[in-house]
Structures are given as structure tokens and as C-alpha cells.
Amino acid sequence: MNDVFPQTPRLSAPAQRRLDLVARCLLAAPGGYLLTALCTASLALLLPGEPAQAVLAATQLSFLLYCVLVIWAFCARSAARAWLIAVLSCLPAALHLIWRELL
């Protein structure tokens, strides 16, 4: 049975920690910017009032969202879980923008 399904090589503990840190840093910096920009664009379209005020309010809320995302990236149990929750939380914003573009 082992000949059919060879075992994959495992990473050492220090290499695994480094990979986890890199994944968290990627979520915090460029990933956080991308996900925050996505949510900000969607929120600016959803907020009532003058367009300039809606954009300003969405931009101000984006600072809070980015801070929460950066903190979450380093507080989650694993990097995979942090990425999963971050992407799933921004999925409604992405679907909203796609829906608005198609109509």
C-alpha cells in the first residue's frame, strides 16, 4: 500500500513556522489592502446619501476594517483559518460588485 501512495515530505518545525508567518504577513499587508478595497467599494455603493459622503464614510470605515483584518491575521489559530475567514467575510462584497456590474 505504501508503494502506491508514497508519503509526502514534511516540513521541519522552523520551516513550518516561517511559512505560517509569511502567509499571515501576506494576509495582513497586500491581502488586507485588497480585501479592504473590495469591501470599501461595495460599501460606498450601498450607503445612502450624497455619493461624496457615501465614499467618505466607506473610506473611514475601511481604516477600521483594515486594522481588524491585520489583528485577525496574527490572532487566528492558523494562517489557513485566517485566510478562510477573511475571504469568506469579503465574499458578499465581491458578489455585490459583480451583481452591480452585470445589471
Protein backbone atom coordinates (compact mmCIF):
# COMPACT_ATOMS: atom_id res chain seq x y z
CA MET A 1 0.00 0.00 0.00
CA ASN A 2 2.89 2.37 0.71
CA ASP A 3 4.27 1.79 -2.77
CA VAL A 4 1.06 3.03 -4.34
CA PHE A 5 0.70 6.13 -2.12
CA PRO A 6 4.15 7.39 -1.18
CA GLN A 7 4.30 9.74 1.77
CA THR A 8 4.84 13.39 1.03
CA PRO A 9 7.84 15.02 2.66
CA ARG A 10 7.07 17.06 5.77
CA LEU A 11 8.47 20.49 6.55
CA SER A 12 10.60 20.93 9.62
CA ALA A 13 9.10 22.85 12.55
CA PRO A 14 11.13 26.04 11.91
CA ALA A 15 10.25 25.95 8.21
CA GLN A 16 6.57 25.45 9.05
CA ARG A 17 6.66 28.45 11.43
CA ARG A 18 8.32 30.61 8.77
CA LEU A 19 5.74 29.59 6.18
CA ASP A 20 2.94 30.37 8.63
CA LEU A 21 4.42 33.80 9.33
CA VAL A 22 4.79 34.57 5.62
CA ALA A 23 1.16 33.58 4.99
CA ARG A 24 -0.01 35.81 7.85
CA CYS A 25 2.09 38.75 6.62
CA LEU A 26 0.69 38.34 3.12
CA LEU A 27 -2.83 38.39 4.55
CA ALA A 28 -2.07 41.43 6.69
CA ALA A 29 -0.41 43.65 4.07
CA PRO A 30 -1.33 43.07 0.41
CA GLY A 31 -4.24 40.73 1.14
CA GLY A 32 -5.67 43.12 3.69
CA TYR A 33 -5.42 46.01 1.27
CA LEU A 34 -7.16 44.06 -1.48
CA LEU A 35 -9.96 42.79 0.72
CA THR A 36 -10.46 46.19 2.36
CA ALA A 37 -10.61 47.94 -1.02
CA LEU A 38 -13.20 45.44 -2.20
CA CYS A 39 -15.38 45.98 0.86
CA THR A 40 -14.96 49.76 0.67
CA ALA A 41 -16.08 49.90 -2.96
CA SER A 42 -19.13 47.82 -2.20
CA LEU A 43 -19.99 49.81 0.90
CA ALA A 44 -19.66 53.13 -0.94
CA LEU A 45 -22.34 51.94 -3.35
CA LEU A 46 -24.63 50.75 -0.56
CA LEU A 47 -24.56 53.75 1.75
CA PRO A 48 -27.40 56.25 1.36
CA GLY A 49 -26.96 59.96 0.81
CA GLU A 50 -24.78 62.02 -1.47
CA PRO A 51 -22.18 59.97 -3.38
CA ALA A 52 -19.28 62.01 -1.97
CA GLN A 53 -20.47 61.47 1.59
CA ALA A 54 -21.00 57.75 0.99
CA VAL A 55 -17.46 57.40 -0.34
CA LEU A 56 -16.05 59.36 2.60
CA ALA A 57 -17.95 57.25 5.14
CA ALA A 58 -16.90 54.00 3.43
CA THR A 59 -13.28 55.15 3.36
CA GLN A 60 -13.34 55.99 7.06
CA LEU A 61 -14.83 52.60 7.86
CA SER A 62 -12.13 50.96 5.75
CA PHE A 63 -9.47 52.04 8.25
CA LEU A 64 -11.32 50.13 10.96
CA LEU A 65 -11.77 47.11 8.70
CA TYR A 66 -8.08 47.06 7.77
CA CYS A 67 -7.00 47.25 11.43
CA VAL A 68 -9.33 44.40 12.36
CA LEU A 69 -8.06 42.32 9.46
CA VAL A 70 -4.40 42.85 10.39
CA ILE A 71 -5.08 41.96 14.02
CA TRP A 72 -7.10 38.90 12.96
CA ALA A 73 -4.27 37.73 10.67
CA PHE A 74 -1.96 37.34 13.65
CA CYS A 75 -4.50 36.24 16.28
CA ALA A 76 -6.11 33.35 14.40
CA ARG A 77 -5.18 29.80 15.29
CA SER A 78 -3.69 29.16 11.88
CA ALA A 79 -2.89 31.11 8.76
CA ALA A 80 -5.25 28.96 6.72
CA ARG A 81 -8.11 29.75 9.07
CA ALA A 82 -7.30 33.48 8.96
CA TRP A 83 -7.29 33.45 5.16
CA LEU A 84 -10.51 31.44 5.00
CA ILE A 85 -12.43 33.75 7.30
CA ALA A 86 -11.05 36.90 5.65
CA VAL A 87 -12.02 35.72 2.17
CA LEU A 88 -15.44 34.47 3.28
CA SER A 89 -16.18 37.75 5.06
CA CYS A 90 -15.45 39.71 1.86
CA LEU A 91 -17.38 37.36 -0.40
CA PRO A 92 -20.67 39.29 -0.03
CA ALA A 93 -18.91 42.50 -1.12
CA ALA A 94 -17.45 40.76 -4.17
CA LEU A 95 -20.82 39.29 -5.11
CA HIS A 96 -22.45 42.68 -4.68
CA LEU A 97 -19.95 44.35 -7.01
CA ILE A 98 -20.30 41.60 -9.60
CA TRP A 99 -24.08 41.82 -9.41
CA ARG A 100 -23.97 45.61 -9.84
CA GLU A 101 -21.67 45.25 -12.85
CA LEU A 102 -23.91 42.72 -14.57
CA LEU A 103 -27.06 44.82 -14.23
